[in-house]
């Protein structure tokens, strides 16, 4: 059970944190020298314009390189590198004058140290340890007296799998190697930080809470603790933007998930889409395998930004050099335009369309697994694409392969990730289940039998 978060106040650096602060600053210089030859620590790029938001590709690349370097050792929740990452993010908040999140944020001054933005919590990890970690949160106060008491949360998780030997979701079983998590999710943190930098200079009418969650890979622990300890009524949160794995854009199509979860969302997305060269698709579903599921479960409208997983997902190959930074900048630009629509409008009204509650990523409520990663963006015309089928797992042993499109599972039609999760939640260990799919290899339909 995660304990209630508490903000850090005042000057709380002990010897350990002074040492860590020196490490993160020295680490930043070292990585810059190794990976940005003849470049300063933060690349010199064009300044923002008040007229419209645009994301600066070089700055986002820099943030990814800082967070996904081998020196961060995969940012396992509760590790020293988890703390270093939180210091790095807190420093960015400090540089841009954000106010720490507290019940008195409206009258509080900007933070004085990186740890002023830390929200501590603890939980019992699956590997048996009592883990202490923190979210990192800062507020940009709204400009409108009538709307500044309403919040839009812009979040991204900064934790990953460490060396891959404690969190059981590594795709390389039995291999102890650093999982840098560049796409998952240094890419989303870089986008969150770039949005923070812009809107700290050009605030909106509503207050914006920028938050980096830890503990996502261990079961949405950070986002759950954030909501458990939120110092105001949860009804004051108008929407949550979740940026998770945005480094794999291919082509010009991008899907925003969660658009059906508030009455006002679709019109806002349509307006934001007018200012991007992306072809924006929408999905109404509010559930999904990331931190926005914690908010949706508490009836808060969500917008989920994510590109489909690649074969590097949850492997040691997810490195900074593999990301599409131009695509990241385009997606962040779209998120920034939509954030302005939400942040300058009246309250959003949640709608669930009668959907049942489902377990979210990592929550441990599924008794079985097929060993595959479905297409989060649901790009198949019919069915649900199995983007990654893990070798040696139930679906792979049955004959399913990456890229195959699932049409039916256990006799039930599958066209969304929610339908897939509903069926999966009802399966029992040892049960034999039929999977009807279209093979990527030849386009033909086939039926497989998997023992889960």
Protein backbone atom coordinates (compact mmCIF):
# COMPACT_ATOMS: atom_id res chain seq x y z
CA UNK A 1 0.00 0.00 0.00
CA UNK A 2 1.53 3.31 -1.03
CA UNK A 3 1.65 5.82 1.78
CA UNK A 4 0.36 9.37 1.45
CA UNK A 5 2.76 11.71 -0.30
CA UNK A 6 4.21 14.73 1.40
CA UNK A 7 5.90 17.66 -0.30
CA UNK A 8 9.39 18.58 0.84
CA UNK A 9 9.62 22.08 2.21
CA UNK A 10 12.55 24.33 3.03
CA UNK A 11 16.25 23.55 2.67
CA UNK A 12 16.47 19.79 3.28
CA UNK A 13 19.76 18.81 1.61
CA UNK A 14 21.81 16.50 3.79
CA UNK A 15 25.24 15.24 2.86
CA UNK A 16 23.78 12.48 0.70
CA UNK A 17 21.71 14.85 -1.43
CA UNK A 18 24.53 17.36 -1.78
CA UNK A 19 26.60 14.49 -3.09
CA UNK A 20 23.83 13.40 -5.45
CA UNK A 21 23.34 16.96 -6.68
CA UNK A 22 27.03 17.15 -7.49
CA UNK A 23 26.80 13.81 -9.25
CA UNK A 24 23.89 14.86 -11.45
CA UNK A 25 25.53 18.15 -12.44
CA UNK A 26 28.87 16.51 -13.10
CA UNK A 27 27.12 13.65 -14.89
CA UNK A 28 25.36 16.14 -17.17
CA UNK A 29 28.66 17.71 -18.21
CA UNK A 30 30.31 14.34 -18.81
CA UNK A 31 27.51 12.98 -20.98
CA UNK A 32 27.39 16.21 -22.96
CA UNK A 33 31.10 15.92 -23.69
CA UNK A 34 30.75 12.30 -24.77
CA UNK A 35 27.63 12.56 -26.90
CA UNK A 36 27.39 16.23 -27.95
CA UNK A 37 30.85 17.00 -29.29
CA UNK A 38 31.52 20.76 -29.34
CA UNK A 39 28.04 21.43 -27.91
CA UNK A 40 27.21 23.07 -24.56
CA UNK A 41 25.29 21.07 -21.94
CA UNK A 42 21.99 22.51 -23.16
CA UNK A 43 22.07 23.13 -26.93
CA UNK A 44 21.67 26.72 -28.04
CA UNK A 45 18.33 26.82 -29.84
CA UNK A 46 15.69 29.31 -30.86
CA UNK A 47 13.70 30.95 -28.08
CA UNK A 48 9.98 30.37 -27.70
CA UNK A 49 7.40 32.63 -29.30
CA UNK A 50 4.28 33.83 -27.51
CA UNK A 51 2.28 33.39 -30.71
CA UNK A 52 2.32 29.60 -30.83
CA UNK A 53 3.98 26.60 -29.21
CA UNK A 54 6.61 24.58 -31.01
CA UNK A 55 8.81 21.85 -29.56
CA UNK A 56 12.59 22.17 -29.86
CA UNK A 57 13.98 18.91 -31.12
CA UNK A 58 17.55 19.47 -29.90
CA UNK A 59 16.48 20.23 -26.34
CA UNK A 60 14.32 17.12 -26.21
CA UNK A 61 17.18 15.02 -27.56
CA UNK A 62 19.40 16.41 -24.79
CA UNK A 63 16.91 15.46 -22.06
CA UNK A 64 16.63 11.93 -23.46
CA UNK A 65 20.41 11.55 -23.51
CA UNK A 66 20.66 12.69 -19.91
CA UNK A 67 17.96 10.34 -18.62
CA UNK A 68 18.70 7.32 -20.82
CA UNK A 69 22.48 7.25 -20.51
CA UNK A 70 24.13 4.07 -19.23
CA UNK A 71 25.08 6.10 -16.15
CA UNK A 72 21.41 6.17 -15.16
CA UNK A 73 21.43 2.32 -15.17
CA UNK A 74 17.82 2.03 -16.32
CA UNK A 75 16.26 4.25 -13.60
CA UNK A 76 14.82 1.41 -11.49
CA UNK A 77 12.32 2.77 -8.97
CA UNK A 78 13.98 3.08 -5.56
CA UNK A 79 17.55 3.02 -6.89
CA UNK A 80 20.19 5.74 -6.60
CA UNK A 81 19.64 6.43 -10.29
CA UNK A 82 15.94 6.91 -9.58
CA UNK A 83 16.99 9.71 -7.20
CA UNK A 84 19.43 11.16 -9.74
CA UNK A 85 16.67 11.28 -12.34
CA UNK A 86 14.37 13.03 -9.87
CA UNK A 87 17.12 15.58 -9.14
CA UNK A 88 17.59 16.23 -12.85
CA UNK A 89 13.86 16.80 -13.37
CA UNK A 90 13.60 18.89 -10.20
CA UNK A 91 16.42 21.09 -11.45
CA UNK A 92 14.51 21.75 -14.66
CA UNK A 93 11.47 22.80 -12.60
CA UNK A 94 13.66 24.99 -10.41
CA UNK A 95 15.23 26.71 -13.43
CA UNK A 96 11.79 27.61 -14.77
CA UNK A 97 10.33 28.95 -11.52
CA UNK A 98 7.64 26.37 -10.87
CA UNK A 99 5.84 26.33 -7.52
CA UNK A 100 5.93 23.06 -5.53
CA UNK A 101 2.58 21.32 -5.32
CA UNK A 102 0.97 21.88 -1.92
CA UNK A 103 -2.35 22.92 -0.43
CA UNK A 104 -1.02 26.50 -0.31
CA UNK A 105 0.48 26.56 -3.80
CA UNK A 106 -1.51 29.68 -4.79
CA UNK A 107 0.38 31.77 -2.24
CA UNK A 108 3.66 29.84 -2.21
CA UNK A 109 6.95 30.96 -3.72
CA UNK A 110 8.86 29.01 -6.36
CA UNK A 111 11.00 26.17 -5.08
CA UNK A 112 14.48 26.82 -3.66
CA UNK A 113 16.01 23.36 -4.24
CA UNK A 114 15.36 20.43 -6.55
CA UNK A 115 13.89 18.37 -3.74
CA UNK A 116 11.20 20.95 -2.99
CA UNK A 117 9.34 19.36 -5.91
CA UNK A 118 9.61 15.82 -4.57
CA UNK A 119 6.51 13.99 -3.32
CA UNK A 120 7.69 10.98 -1.35
CA UNK A 121 5.88 7.66 -1.14
CA UNK A 122 6.75 4.03 -0.44
CA UNK A 123 5.42 0.62 -1.43
CA UNK A 124 6.22 -3.08 -1.18
CA UNK A 125 7.83 -4.14 -4.45
CA UNK A 126 7.19 -7.47 -6.10
CA UNK A 127 10.80 -8.47 -5.55
CA UNK A 128 10.18 -8.27 -1.79
CA UNK A 129 11.80 -4.96 -0.85
CA UNK A 130 10.14 -1.97 0.79
CA UNK A 131 10.84 0.71 -1.82
CA UNK A 132 11.03 4.45 -1.18
CA UNK A 133 10.66 6.74 -4.15
CA UNK A 134 9.09 10.00 -5.18
CA UNK A 135 7.13 11.78 -7.88
CA UNK A 136 8.40 15.17 -9.02
CA UNK A 137 5.66 17.81 -9.38
CA UNK A 138 5.51 21.55 -9.98
CA UNK A 139 2.71 24.02 -10.65
CA UNK A 140 2.36 26.83 -13.17
CA UNK A 141 -0.35 29.02 -11.66
CA UNK A 142 -3.30 29.92 -13.85
CA UNK A 143 -3.89 33.51 -14.91
CA UNK A 144 -7.68 33.61 -14.55
CA UNK A 145 -9.02 34.13 -11.04
CA UNK A 146 -12.12 32.06 -11.82
CA UNK A 147 -10.23 29.16 -13.42
CA UNK A 148 -6.88 29.06 -11.63
CA UNK A 149 -8.35 26.71 -9.02
CA UNK A 150 -8.85 24.13 -11.75
CA UNK A 151 -5.95 21.93 -12.86
CA UNK A 152 -4.65 20.17 -15.93
CA UNK A 153 -2.08 17.49 -15.10
CA UNK A 154 0.68 16.89 -17.65
CA UNK A 155 2.47 13.69 -16.72
CA UNK A 156 5.12 11.23 -17.85
CA UNK A 157 6.79 8.41 -15.94
CA UNK A 158 10.56 8.53 -15.59
CA UNK A 159 11.27 5.07 -14.18
CA UNK A 160 12.28 2.01 -16.19
CA UNK A 161 13.55 -1.54 -15.63
CA UNK A 162 17.04 -0.99 -14.28
CA UNK A 163 19.18 -3.98 -15.21
CA UNK A 164 16.10 -6.00 -16.16
CA UNK A 165 16.50 -8.52 -13.35
CA UNK A 166 13.95 -7.23 -10.81
CA UNK A 167 10.93 -5.99 -12.78
CA UNK A 168 9.60 -9.08 -14.53
CA UNK A 169 8.50 -7.36 -17.75
CA UNK A 170 11.87 -7.38 -19.51
CA UNK A 171 11.65 -9.08 -22.89
CA UNK A 172 15.17 -10.50 -22.40
CA UNK A 173 14.61 -13.05 -19.69
CA UNK A 174 17.66 -14.22 -17.82
CA UNK A 175 19.87 -11.43 -19.19
CA UNK A 176 21.21 -8.88 -16.70
CA UNK A 177 21.91 -5.80 -18.80
CA UNK A 178 21.08 -2.10 -18.51
CA UNK A 179 17.66 -1.26 -19.95
CA UNK A 180 18.05 2.45 -20.74
CA UNK A 181 14.39 3.09 -21.58
CA UNK A 182 14.94 5.90 -24.08
CA UNK A 183 11.52 5.51 -25.67
CA UNK A 184 10.02 4.12 -22.46
CA UNK A 185 9.96 6.73 -21.16
CA UNK A 186 12.71 9.30 -21.42
CA UNK A 187 10.90 10.41 -24.58
CA UNK A 188 7.71 11.27 -22.68
CA UNK A 189 9.62 13.06 -19.92
CA UNK A 190 11.45 15.14 -22.53
CA UNK A 191 8.08 16.15 -24.02
CA UNK A 192 6.66 17.01 -20.58
CA UNK A 193 9.70 19.16 -19.79
CA UNK A 194 9.47 21.00 -23.09
CA UNK A 195 5.78 21.77 -22.48
CA UNK A 196 6.71 22.92 -18.98
CA UNK A 197 9.40 25.28 -20.29
CA UNK A 198 6.97 26.94 -22.69
CA UNK A 199 3.92 27.25 -20.47
CA UNK A 200 5.96 28.49 -17.50
CA UNK A 201 6.65 31.52 -19.72
CA UNK A 202 3.19 31.75 -21.27
CA UNK A 203 0.75 30.41 -18.63
CA UNK A 204 -2.83 29.49 -19.36
CA UNK A 205 -6.00 30.43 -17.52
CA UNK A 206 -6.10 27.14 -15.60
CA UNK A 207 -3.25 26.00 -13.39
CA UNK A 208 -0.98 23.37 -14.91
CA UNK A 209 0.61 20.61 -12.83
CA UNK A 210 3.67 19.07 -14.46
CA UNK A 211 4.56 15.75 -12.87
CA UNK A 212 7.13 13.03 -13.49
CA UNK A 213 5.92 9.74 -12.00
CA UNK A 214 8.13 6.97 -10.69
CA UNK A 215 6.87 3.44 -10.09
CA UNK A 216 4.94 3.06 -13.35
CA UNK A 217 6.74 -0.13 -14.35
CA UNK A 218 6.07 -1.63 -10.92
CA UNK A 219 2.31 -1.15 -11.14
CA UNK A 220 1.33 2.51 -11.55
CA UNK A 221 2.54 3.08 -7.98
CA UNK A 222 3.59 6.70 -8.54
CA UNK A 223 0.39 7.91 -10.19
CA UNK A 224 -1.69 6.08 -7.59
CA UNK A 225 0.26 7.74 -4.76
CA UNK A 226 -0.05 11.12 -6.49
CA UNK A 227 -3.84 10.87 -6.54
CA UNK A 228 -4.02 9.44 -3.01
CA UNK A 229 -2.09 12.45 -1.73
CA UNK A 230 -3.54 15.15 -3.98
CA UNK A 231 -4.08 18.20 -1.74
CA UNK A 232 -7.36 19.26 -3.39
CA UNK A 233 -10.58 17.59 -4.47
CA UNK A 234 -9.94 15.30 -7.43
CA UNK A 235 -12.91 16.95 -9.11
CA UNK A 236 -10.72 20.05 -9.54
CA UNK A 237 -8.59 18.16 -12.10
CA UNK A 238 -10.13 18.85 -15.49
CA UNK A 239 -7.91 16.52 -17.50
CA UNK A 240 -4.74 14.45 -17.45
CA UNK A 241 -2.27 14.41 -20.37
CA UNK A 242 -0.11 11.28 -20.35
CA UNK A 243 3.03 11.18 -22.50
CA UNK A 244 4.43 7.65 -22.63
CA UNK A 245 6.67 6.29 -25.41
CA UNK A 246 6.43 8.90 -28.15
CA UNK A 247 9.74 8.14 -29.84
CA UNK A 248 8.56 5.66 -32.47
CA UNK A 249 6.54 7.75 -34.93
CA UNK A 250 6.45 6.28 -38.43
CA UNK A 251 4.85 8.30 -41.18
CA UNK A 252 2.35 11.10 -40.58
CA UNK A 253 -0.47 9.36 -38.68
CA UNK A 254 -0.81 9.68 -34.92
CA UNK A 255 -3.64 8.61 -32.62
CA UNK A 256 -4.74 10.35 -29.41
CA UNK A 257 -6.48 7.99 -27.01
CA UNK A 258 -9.14 9.01 -24.49
CA UNK A 259 -11.01 11.46 -26.71
CA UNK A 260 -14.38 9.93 -25.85
CA UNK A 261 -13.96 10.43 -22.12
CA UNK A 262 -15.24 14.02 -21.94
CA UNK A 263 -17.99 15.71 -23.88
CA UNK A 264 -15.77 18.61 -24.95
CA UNK A 265 -12.68 16.62 -25.99
CA UNK A 266 -13.37 15.86 -29.64
CA UNK A 267 -13.93 19.49 -30.62
CA UNK A 268 -10.75 20.49 -28.79
CA UNK A 269 -8.72 17.83 -30.58
CA UNK A 270 -10.13 18.95 -33.92
CA UNK A 271 -9.07 22.52 -33.22
CA UNK A 272 -5.59 21.48 -32.09
CA UNK A 273 -5.22 19.32 -35.20
CA UNK A 274 -5.55 22.39 -37.42
CA UNK A 275 -2.09 23.50 -36.25
CA UNK A 276 -0.12 20.33 -37.03
CA UNK A 277 1.05 18.53 -40.14
CA UNK A 278 0.18 15.19 -38.53
CA UNK A 279 -2.89 13.27 -39.60
CA UNK A 280 -4.57 13.01 -36.20
CA UNK A 281 -6.70 9.98 -35.44
CA UNK A 282 -8.72 9.57 -32.25
CA UNK A 283 -9.78 6.72 -30.02
CA UNK A 284 -12.48 7.16 -27.37
CA UNK A 285 -11.08 4.59 -24.95
CA UNK A 286 -9.89 5.89 -21.58
CA UNK A 287 -8.17 2.75 -20.33
CA UNK A 288 -4.66 1.80 -21.27
CA UNK A 289 -1.36 0.38 -20.04
CA UNK A 290 0.05 3.51 -18.42
CA UNK A 291 -0.43 6.14 -15.70
CA UNK A 292 -3.51 7.75 -17.24
CA UNK A 293 -5.43 4.60 -16.21
CA UNK A 294 -5.08 5.71 -12.57
CA UNK A 295 -6.79 9.01 -13.42
CA UNK A 296 -9.46 7.47 -15.63
CA UNK A 297 -10.36 5.04 -12.83
CA UNK A 298 -11.19 8.12 -10.71
CA UNK A 299 -13.37 9.65 -13.41
CA UNK A 300 -10.89 12.23 -14.67
CA UNK A 301 -10.80 12.85 -18.45
CA UNK A 302 -7.56 11.68 -20.05
CA UNK A 303 -5.54 12.23 -23.23
CA UNK A 304 -2.96 9.52 -23.94
CA UNK A 305 -0.06 10.21 -26.32
CA UNK A 306 1.86 7.10 -27.37
CA UNK A 307 3.44 5.63 -30.49
CA UNK A 308 3.20 1.85 -31.04
CA UNK A 309 5.88 -0.26 -29.35
CA UNK A 310 8.86 -1.36 -31.39
CA UNK A 311 10.89 -4.61 -31.16
CA UNK A 312 13.19 -2.70 -28.77
CA UNK A 313 10.38 -2.38 -26.20
CA UNK A 314 11.57 -3.48 -22.73
CA UNK A 315 14.94 -4.64 -24.04
CA UNK A 316 18.50 -3.29 -23.59
CA UNK A 317 18.25 -1.99 -27.18
CA UNK A 318 15.94 0.91 -26.26
CA UNK A 319 18.69 3.53 -26.55
CA UNK A 320 18.67 7.28 -27.39
CA UNK A 321 20.10 6.73 -30.89
CA UNK A 322 17.04 4.69 -31.92
CA UNK A 323 14.40 7.41 -31.44
CA UNK A 324 12.70 9.56 -34.06
CA UNK A 325 13.31 13.00 -32.55
CA UNK A 326 11.59 14.86 -35.35
CA UNK A 327 8.49 12.76 -34.69
CA UNK A 328 8.77 13.47 -30.96
CA UNK A 329 8.81 17.20 -31.65
CA UNK A 330 5.74 16.91 -33.89
CA UNK A 331 3.78 14.94 -31.28
CA UNK A 332 4.82 17.35 -28.51
CA UNK A 333 3.68 20.25 -30.68
CA UNK A 334 0.28 18.61 -31.05
CA UNK A 335 0.10 18.03 -27.29
CA UNK A 336 0.99 21.66 -26.67
CA UNK A 337 -1.76 22.91 -28.96
CA UNK A 338 -4.32 20.65 -27.30
CA UNK A 339 -3.10 21.72 -23.86
CA UNK A 340 -3.87 25.32 -24.74
CA UNK A 341 -7.38 24.34 -25.81
CA UNK A 342 -8.01 22.54 -22.50
CA UNK A 343 -6.18 25.06 -20.31
CA UNK A 344 -8.08 28.08 -21.58
CA UNK A 345 -11.55 26.50 -21.68
CA UNK A 346 -14.20 25.89 -19.07
CA UNK A 347 -14.36 22.67 -17.03
CA UNK A 348 -14.39 19.34 -18.87
CA UNK A 349 -17.16 16.87 -18.07
CA UNK A 350 -16.22 13.21 -17.64
CA UNK A 351 -18.11 10.47 -19.42
CA UNK A 352 -17.37 6.75 -19.19
CA UNK A 353 -19.94 5.52 -21.72
CA UNK A 354 -20.74 2.74 -19.27
CA UNK A 355 -17.36 1.01 -19.66
CA UNK A 356 -16.47 -1.51 -16.97
CA UNK A 357 -13.39 -0.95 -14.82
CA UNK A 358 -10.37 -2.96 -15.94
CA UNK A 359 -6.99 -3.66 -14.44
CA UNK A 360 -4.20 -1.48 -15.79
CA UNK A 361 -0.61 -2.21 -16.73
CA UNK A 362 1.41 -3.88 -14.05
CA UNK A 363 -1.33 -4.00 -11.45
CA UNK A 364 -1.09 -7.78 -11.14
CA UNK A 365 -4.83 -8.45 -11.45
CA UNK A 366 -4.52 -10.72 -14.49
CA UNK A 367 -4.13 -14.36 -13.54
CA UNK A 368 -2.55 -15.21 -16.91
CA UNK A 369 -0.81 -13.60 -19.85
CA UNK A 370 -0.43 -14.49 -23.51
CA UNK A 371 2.98 -12.89 -23.73
CA UNK A 372 2.22 -10.22 -26.28
CA UNK A 373 2.03 -6.43 -26.55
CA UNK A 374 -1.10 -5.28 -28.40
CA UNK A 375 -1.13 -2.15 -30.54
CA UNK A 376 -1.95 0.60 -28.04
CA UNK A 377 -3.04 2.92 -30.86
CA UNK A 378 -5.24 0.23 -32.41
CA UNK A 379 -4.34 1.00 -36.03
CA UNK A 380 -5.79 -2.20 -37.57
CA UNK A 381 -8.97 -1.73 -39.61
CA UNK A 382 -10.36 -4.98 -38.21
CA UNK A 383 -9.06 -6.73 -35.13
CA UNK A 384 -6.17 -5.86 -32.82
CA UNK A 385 -2.55 -6.06 -33.94
CA UNK A 386 -0.11 -8.03 -31.77
CA UNK A 387 2.78 -5.60 -32.15
CA UNK A 388 5.23 -7.79 -30.20
CA UNK A 389 4.83 -11.51 -29.49
CA UNK A 390 7.43 -12.66 -26.97
CA UNK A 391 9.34 -15.78 -27.95
CA UNK A 392 8.73 -18.67 -25.58
CA UNK A 393 5.44 -17.31 -24.23
CA UNK A 394 1.97 -18.82 -24.71
CA UNK A 395 0.96 -16.96 -27.88
CA UNK A 396 4.32 -17.58 -29.55
CA UNK A 397 4.26 -21.29 -28.71
CA UNK A 398 0.79 -21.49 -30.27
CA UNK A 399 2.08 -19.99 -33.53
CA UNK A 400 1.16 -16.29 -33.29
CA UNK A 401 3.86 -13.90 -34.48
CA UNK A 402 4.60 -10.18 -34.18
CA UNK A 403 2.42 -8.20 -36.59
CA UNK A 404 -0.39 -10.75 -36.75
CA UNK A 405 -3.88 -9.28 -36.25
CA UNK A 406 -6.08 -10.91 -33.61
CA UNK A 407 -9.72 -11.19 -34.70
CA UNK A 408 -11.16 -13.37 -31.94
CA UNK A 409 -9.93 -14.54 -28.54
CA UNK A 410 -11.70 -17.31 -26.61
CA UNK A 411 -14.61 -17.00 -29.05
CA UNK A 412 -15.05 -13.26 -28.48
CA UNK A 413 -14.57 -10.60 -31.14
CA UNK A 414 -11.52 -8.42 -30.53
CA UNK A 415 -11.22 -4.97 -32.08
CA UNK A 416 -9.97 -2.81 -29.19
CA UNK A 417 -7.42 -3.20 -26.41
CA UNK A 418 -10.27 -2.93 -23.91
CA UNK A 419 -12.02 -5.98 -25.38
CA UNK A 420 -8.72 -7.86 -25.30
CA UNK A 421 -8.17 -6.96 -21.63
CA UNK A 422 -11.73 -7.98 -20.72
CA UNK A 423 -11.24 -11.46 -22.21
CA UNK A 424 -7.74 -11.83 -20.73
CA UNK A 425 -9.04 -10.93 -17.26
CA UNK A 426 -11.49 -13.85 -17.42
CA UNK A 427 -8.95 -16.54 -18.34
CA UNK A 428 -7.64 -19.07 -15.81
CA UNK A 429 -4.18 -20.55 -15.51
CA UNK A 430 -3.86 -23.77 -17.53
CA UNK A 431 -6.85 -22.93 -19.73
CA UNK A 432 -6.59 -23.59 -23.47
CA UNK A 433 -7.82 -20.67 -25.52
CA UNK A 434 -8.38 -20.27 -29.25
CA UNK A 435 -6.91 -17.29 -31.06
CA UNK A 436 -8.22 -16.44 -34.51
CA UNK A 437 -5.86 -14.13 -36.37
CA UNK A 438 -4.71 -12.83 -39.73
CA UNK A 439 -1.08 -13.71 -40.33
CA UNK A 440 1.22 -10.86 -41.25
CA UNK A 441 3.37 -13.18 -43.34
CA UNK A 442 0.76 -14.09 -45.97
CA UNK A 443 -2.47 -12.27 -45.05
CA UNK A 444 -4.34 -15.54 -44.42
CA UNK A 445 -6.55 -16.35 -41.46
CA UNK A 446 -5.47 -18.98 -38.96
CA UNK A 447 -6.66 -20.40 -35.65
CA UNK A 448 -4.17 -21.10 -32.87
CA UNK A 449 -4.63 -22.81 -29.51
CA UNK A 450 -2.63 -21.31 -26.64
CA UNK A 451 -2.31 -22.77 -23.15
CA UNK A 452 -2.17 -19.85 -20.72
